[in-house]
Amino acid sequence: MSDTATTAPAKAPLTAADRCDRCGAAAKVRATLPAGGELLFCGHHYNAHEARLVEMGAIVE
């Protein structure tokens, strides 16, 4: 019997077309929420919300 690890499908890398959900600047970070859904952040807004995202258990890429 072998153990099989499951992984989430790889997300496409962020591109210049991806924009911050807070201000519309170029997205630098994708945060996938444990309950589903994802948020895109510029560097400034990621820094502002990083503690809460970690607290929520978001996966940050």
PDB file of N, CA and C in Angstrom:
ATOM      1  N   MET A   1       0.849  -1.168   0.000  1.00  0.00           N
ATOM      2  CA  MET A   1       0.000   0.000   0.000  1.00  0.00           C
ATOM      3  C   MET A   1       0.898   1.236   0.000  1.00  0.00           C
ATOM      4  N   SER A   2       0.613   2.179  -0.887  1.00  0.00           N
ATOM      5  CA  SER A   2       1.428   3.397  -0.937  1.00  0.00           C
ATOM      6  C   SER A   2       0.585   4.595  -0.545  1.00  0.00           C
ATOM      7  N   ASP A   3       1.243   5.520   0.091  1.00  0.00           N
ATOM      8  CA  ASP A   3       0.581   6.773   0.451  1.00  0.00           C
ATOM      9  C   ASP A   3       0.694   7.722  -0.732  1.00  0.00           C
ATOM     10  N   THR A   4      -0.396   8.379  -1.045  1.00  0.00           N
ATOM     11  CA  THR A   4      -0.391   9.329  -2.150  1.00  0.00           C
ATOM     12  C   THR A   4      -0.717  10.705  -1.599  1.00  0.00           C
ATOM     13  N   ALA A   5       0.187  11.621  -1.792  1.00  0.00           N
ATOM     14  CA  ALA A   5      -0.051  12.999  -1.348  1.00  0.00           C
ATOM     15  C   ALA A   5      -0.891  13.711  -2.391  1.00  0.00           C
ATOM     16  N   THR A   6      -1.786  14.517  -1.933  1.00  0.00           N
ATOM     17  CA  THR A   6      -2.572  15.316  -2.857  1.00  0.00           C
ATOM     18  C   THR A   6      -2.121  16.762  -2.753  1.00  0.00           C
ATOM     19  N   THR A   7      -2.048  17.408  -3.861  1.00  0.00           N
ATOM     20  CA  THR A   7      -1.655  18.810  -3.877  1.00  0.00           C
ATOM     21  C   THR A   7      -2.676  19.590  -4.676  1.00  0.00           C
ATOM     22  N   ALA A   8      -2.783  20.844  -4.342  1.00  0.00           N
ATOM     23  CA  ALA A   8      -3.680  21.714  -5.084  1.00  0.00           C
ATOM     24  C   ALA A   8      -3.100  21.952  -6.471  1.00  0.00           C
ATOM     25  N   PRO A   9      -3.945  22.110  -7.461  1.00  0.00           N
ATOM     26  CA  PRO A   9      -3.424  22.407  -8.795  1.00  0.00           C
ATOM     27  C   PRO A   9      -2.638  23.711  -8.785  1.00  0.00           C
ATOM     28  N   ALA A  10      -1.581  23.755  -9.548  1.00  0.00           N
ATOM     29  CA  ALA A  10      -0.742  24.952  -9.595  1.00  0.00           C
ATOM     30  C   ALA A  10      -1.525  26.111 -10.196  1.00  0.00           C
ATOM     31  N   LYS A  11      -1.372  27.264  -9.600  1.00  0.00           N
ATOM     32  CA  LYS A  11      -2.017  28.475 -10.115  1.00  0.00           C
ATOM     33  C   LYS A  11      -1.100  29.102 -11.152  1.00  0.00           C
ATOM     34  N   ALA A  12      -1.692  29.755 -12.104  1.00  0.00           N
ATOM     35  CA  ALA A  12      -0.902  30.479 -13.100  1.00  0.00           C
ATOM     36  C   ALA A  12      -0.188  31.630 -12.404  1.00  0.00           C
ATOM     37  N   PRO A  13       1.032  31.936 -12.809  1.00  0.00           N
ATOM     38  CA  PRO A  13       1.737  33.076 -12.203  1.00  0.00           C
ATOM     39  C   PRO A  13       0.980  34.379 -12.450  1.00  0.00           C
ATOM     40  N   LEU A  14       1.165  35.320 -11.553  1.00  0.00           N
ATOM     41  CA  LEU A  14       0.557  36.638 -11.736  1.00  0.00           C
ATOM     42  C   LEU A  14       1.174  37.311 -12.956  1.00  0.00           C
ATOM     43  N   THR A  15       0.364  38.058 -13.668  1.00  0.00           N
ATOM     44  CA  THR A  15       0.832  38.778 -14.852  1.00  0.00           C
ATOM     45  C   THR A  15       0.560  40.273 -14.669  1.00  0.00           C
ATOM     46  N   ALA A  16       0.986  41.063 -15.628  1.00  0.00           N
ATOM     47  CA  ALA A  16       0.754  42.508 -15.583  1.00  0.00           C
ATOM     48  C   ALA A  16      -0.742  42.826 -15.619  1.00  0.00           C
ATOM     49  N   ALA A  17      -1.556  41.898 -16.095  1.00  0.00           N
ATOM     50  CA  ALA A  17      -3.003  42.123 -16.158  1.00  0.00           C
ATOM     51  C   ALA A  17      -3.680  41.922 -14.805  1.00  0.00           C
ATOM     52  N   ASP A  18      -3.009  41.259 -13.845  1.00  0.00           N
ATOM     53  CA  ASP A  18      -3.584  41.023 -12.525  1.00  0.00           C
ATOM     54  C   ASP A  18      -3.450  42.290 -11.687  1.00  0.00           C
ATOM     55  N   ARG A  19      -4.558  42.704 -11.093  1.00  0.00           N
ATOM     56  CA  ARG A  19      -4.608  43.965 -10.366  1.00  0.00           C
ATOM     57  C   ARG A  19      -5.004  43.736  -8.906  1.00  0.00           C
ATOM     58  N   CYS A  20      -4.515  44.601  -8.030  1.00  0.00           N
ATOM     59  CA  CYS A  20      -4.838  44.566  -6.606  1.00  0.00           C
ATOM     60  C   CYS A  20      -6.346  44.767  -6.424  1.00  0.00           C
ATOM     61  N   ASP A  21      -6.946  43.935  -5.580  1.00  0.00           N
ATOM     62  CA  ASP A  21      -8.384  44.048  -5.320  1.00  0.00           C
ATOM     63  C   ASP A  21      -8.732  45.288  -4.495  1.00  0.00           C
ATOM     64  N   ARG A  22      -7.756  45.910  -3.855  1.00  0.00           N
ATOM     65  CA  ARG A  22      -8.014  47.094  -3.036  1.00  0.00           C
ATOM     66  C   ARG A  22      -7.863  48.397  -3.813  1.00  0.00           C
ATOM     67  N   CYS A  23      -6.821  48.488  -4.674  1.00  0.00           N
ATOM     68  CA  CYS A  23      -6.540  49.789  -5.279  1.00  0.00           C
ATOM     69  C   CYS A  23      -6.333  49.755  -6.793  1.00  0.00           C
ATOM     70  N   GLY A  24      -6.240  48.587  -7.375  1.00  0.00           N
ATOM     71  CA  GLY A  24      -6.075  48.493  -8.818  1.00  0.00           C
ATOM     72  C   GLY A  24      -4.634  48.550  -9.302  1.00  0.00           C
ATOM     73  N   ALA A  25      -3.664  48.661  -8.393  1.00  0.00           N
ATOM     74  CA  ALA A  25      -2.250  48.628  -8.786  1.00  0.00           C
ATOM     75  C   ALA A  25      -1.885  47.200  -9.206  1.00  0.00           C
ATOM     76  N   ALA A  26      -0.713  47.033  -9.771  1.00  0.00           N
ATOM     77  CA  ALA A  26      -0.258  45.705 -10.188  1.00  0.00           C
ATOM     78  C   ALA A  26      -0.219  44.764  -8.980  1.00  0.00           C
ATOM     79  N   ALA A  27      -0.815  43.588  -9.140  1.00  0.00           N
ATOM     80  CA  ALA A  27      -0.832  42.597  -8.064  1.00  0.00           C
ATOM     81  C   ALA A  27       0.531  41.943  -7.935  1.00  0.00           C
ATOM     82  N   LYS A  28       0.993  41.799  -6.706  1.00  0.00           N
ATOM     83  CA  LYS A  28       2.268  41.144  -6.417  1.00  0.00           C
ATOM     84  C   LYS A  28       2.083  39.866  -5.619  1.00  0.00           C
ATOM     85  N   VAL A  29       0.922  39.718  -4.972  1.00  0.00           N
ATOM     86  CA  VAL A  29       0.659  38.594  -4.072  1.00  0.00           C
ATOM     87  C   VAL A  29      -0.743  38.058  -4.305  1.00  0.00           C
ATOM     88  N   ARG A  30      -0.863  36.720  -4.324  1.00  0.00           N
ATOM     89  CA  ARG A  30      -2.175  36.055  -4.383  1.00  0.00           C
ATOM     90  C   ARG A  30      -2.368  35.360  -3.040  1.00  0.00           C
ATOM     91  N   ALA A  31      -3.489  35.625  -2.385  1.00  0.00           N
ATOM     92  CA  ALA A  31      -3.828  34.974  -1.126  1.00  0.00           C
ATOM     93  C   ALA A  31      -5.068  34.115  -1.359  1.00  0.00           C
ATOM     94  N   THR A  32      -4.919  32.804  -1.170  1.00  0.00           N
ATOM     95  CA  THR A  32      -6.039  31.879  -1.314  1.00  0.00           C
ATOM     96  C   THR A  32      -6.612  31.625   0.074  1.00  0.00           C
ATOM     97  N   LEU A  33      -7.884  31.910   0.235  1.00  0.00           N
ATOM     98  CA  LEU A  33      -8.534  31.808   1.537  1.00  0.00           C
ATOM     99  C   LEU A  33      -8.969  30.383   1.822  1.00  0.00           C
ATOM    100  N   PRO A  34      -8.919  29.959   3.096  1.00  0.00           N
ATOM    101  CA  PRO A  34      -9.285  28.593   3.441  1.00  0.00           C
ATOM    102  C   PRO A  34     -10.741  28.256   3.107  1.00  0.00           C
ATOM    103  N   ALA A  35     -11.617  29.226   3.156  1.00  0.00           N
ATOM    104  CA  ALA A  35     -13.029  28.988   2.861  1.00  0.00           C
ATOM    105  C   ALA A  35     -13.308  29.017   1.362  1.00  0.00           C
ATOM    106  N   GLY A  36     -12.273  29.282   0.570  1.00  0.00           N
ATOM    107  CA  GLY A  36     -12.428  29.379  -0.873  1.00  0.00           C
ATOM    108  C   GLY A  36     -12.277  30.814  -1.319  1.00  0.00           C
ATOM    109  N   GLY A  37     -11.961  30.984  -2.559  1.00  0.00           N
ATOM    110  CA  GLY A  37     -11.766  32.315  -3.108  1.00  0.00           C
ATOM    111  C   GLY A  37     -10.333  32.772  -2.955  1.00  0.00           C
ATOM    112  N   GLU A  38     -10.023  33.821  -3.659  1.00  0.00           N
ATOM    113  CA  GLU A  38      -8.679  34.368  -3.571  1.00  0.00           C
ATOM    114  C   GLU A  38      -8.726  35.879  -3.677  1.00  0.00           C
ATOM    115  N   LEU A  39      -7.701  36.498  -3.122  1.00  0.00           N
ATOM    116  CA  LEU A  39      -7.555  37.942  -3.172  1.00  0.00           C
ATOM    117  C   LEU A  39      -6.194  38.251  -3.767  1.00  0.00           C
ATOM    118  N   LEU A  40      -6.127  39.315  -4.556  1.00  0.00           N
ATOM    119  CA  LEU A  40      -4.867  39.776  -5.114  1.00  0.00           C
ATOM    120  C   LEU A  40      -4.518  41.099  -4.456  1.00  0.00           C
ATOM    121  N   PHE A  41      -3.236  41.266  -4.098  1.00  0.00           N
ATOM    122  CA  PHE A  41      -2.790  42.475  -3.420  1.00  0.00           C
ATOM    123  C   PHE A  41      -1.535  43.034  -4.068  1.00  0.00           C
ATOM    124  N   CYS A  42      -1.428  44.364  -4.091  1.00  0.00           N
ATOM    125  CA  CYS A  42      -0.155  45.015  -4.397  1.00  0.00           C
ATOM    126  C   CYS A  42       0.716  44.838  -3.146  1.00  0.00           C
ATOM    127  N   GLY A  43       1.974  45.186  -3.225  1.00  0.00           N
ATOM    128  CA  GLY A  43       2.865  45.037  -2.074  1.00  0.00           C
ATOM    129  C   GLY A  43       2.396  45.835  -0.870  1.00  0.00           C
ATOM    130  N   HIS A  44       1.950  47.070  -1.099  1.00  0.00           N
ATOM    131  CA  HIS A  44       1.494  47.937  -0.008  1.00  0.00           C
ATOM    132  C   HIS A  44       0.309  47.329   0.743  1.00  0.00           C
ATOM    133  N   HIS A  45      -0.698  46.897   0.015  1.00  0.00           N
ATOM    134  CA  HIS A  45      -1.885  46.358   0.681  1.00  0.00           C
ATOM    135  C   HIS A  45      -1.638  44.970   1.269  1.00  0.00           C
ATOM    136  N   TYR A  46      -0.743  44.193   0.678  1.00  0.00           N
ATOM    137  CA  TYR A  46      -0.386  42.916   1.307  1.00  0.00           C
ATOM    138  C   TYR A  46       0.262  43.183   2.661  1.00  0.00           C
ATOM    139  N   ASN A  47       1.193  44.128   2.718  1.00  0.00           N
ATOM    140  CA  ASN A  47       1.839  44.459   3.994  1.00  0.00           C
ATOM    141  C   ASN A  47       0.813  44.906   5.023  1.00  0.00           C
ATOM    142  N   ALA A  48      -0.179  45.659   4.586  1.00  0.00           N
ATOM    143  CA  ALA A  48      -1.204  46.158   5.504  1.00  0.00           C
ATOM    144  C   ALA A  48      -2.099  45.041   6.037  1.00  0.00           C
ATOM    145  N   HIS A  49      -2.299  43.979   5.262  1.00  0.00           N
ATOM    146  CA  HIS A  49      -3.240  42.913   5.640  1.00  0.00           C
ATOM    147  C   HIS A  49      -2.573  41.580   5.948  1.00  0.00           C
ATOM    148  N   GLU A  50      -1.251  41.529   5.905  1.00  0.00           N
ATOM    149  CA  GLU A  50      -0.527  40.269   6.077  1.00  0.00           C
ATOM    150  C   GLU A  50      -0.872  39.561   7.389  1.00  0.00           C
ATOM    151  N   ALA A  51      -0.887  40.263   8.501  1.00  0.00           N
ATOM    152  CA  ALA A  51      -1.144  39.630   9.799  1.00  0.00           C
ATOM    153  C   ALA A  51      -2.504  38.944   9.818  1.00  0.00           C
ATOM    154  N   ARG A  52      -3.511  39.588   9.281  1.00  0.00           N
ATOM    155  CA  ARG A  52      -4.867  39.011   9.272  1.00  0.00           C
ATOM    156  C   ARG A  52      -4.938  37.802   8.341  1.00  0.00           C
ATOM    157  N   LEU A  53      -4.264  37.872   7.198  1.00  0.00           N
ATOM    158  CA  LEU A  53      -4.250  36.740   6.272  1.00  0.00           C
ATOM    159  C   LEU A  53      -3.603  35.523   6.918  1.00  0.00           C
ATOM    160  N   VAL A  54      -2.508  35.726   7.628  1.00  0.00           N
ATOM    161  CA  VAL A  54      -1.833  34.626   8.330  1.00  0.00           C
ATOM    162  C   VAL A  54      -2.752  34.065   9.410  1.00  0.00           C
ATOM    163  N   GLU A  55      -3.390  34.957  10.151  1.00  0.00           N
ATOM    164  CA  GLU A  55      -4.319  34.541  11.199  1.00  0.00           C
ATOM    165  C   GLU A  55      -5.458  33.677  10.640  1.00  0.00           C
ATOM    166  N   MET A  56      -5.920  34.011   9.453  1.00  0.00           N
ATOM    167  CA  MET A  56      -7.011  33.277   8.810  1.00  0.00           C
ATOM    168  C   MET A  56      -6.546  31.961   8.193  1.00  0.00           C
ATOM    169  N   GLY A  57      -5.240  31.785   8.044  1.00  0.00           N
ATOM    170  CA  GLY A  57      -4.721  30.568   7.438  1.00  0.00           C
ATOM    171  C   GLY A  57      -4.686  30.623   5.921  1.00  0.00           C
ATOM    172  N   ALA A  58      -4.629  31.812   5.356  1.00  0.00           N
ATOM    173  CA  ALA A  58      -4.585  31.956   3.893  1.00  0.00           C
ATOM    174  C   ALA A  58      -3.259  31.414   3.368  1.00  0.00           C
ATOM    175  N   ILE A  59      -3.298  30.871   2.161  1.00  0.00           N
ATOM    176  CA  ILE A  59      -2.097  30.420   1.483  1.00  0.00           C
ATOM    177  C   ILE A  59      -1.641  31.569   0.592  1.00  0.00           C
ATOM    178  N   VAL A  60      -0.443  32.055   0.833  1.00  0.00           N
ATOM    179  CA  VAL A  60       0.071  33.222   0.119  1.00  0.00           C
ATOM    180  C   VAL A  60       1.095  32.777  -0.916  1.00  0.00           C
ATOM    181  N   GLU A  61       0.918  33.245  -2.135  1.00  0.00           N
ATOM    182  CA  GLU A  61       1.831  32.904  -3.224  1.00  0.00           C
ATOM    183  C   GLU A  61       2.373  34.176  -3.826  1.00  0.00           C
TER     184      GLU A  61
END
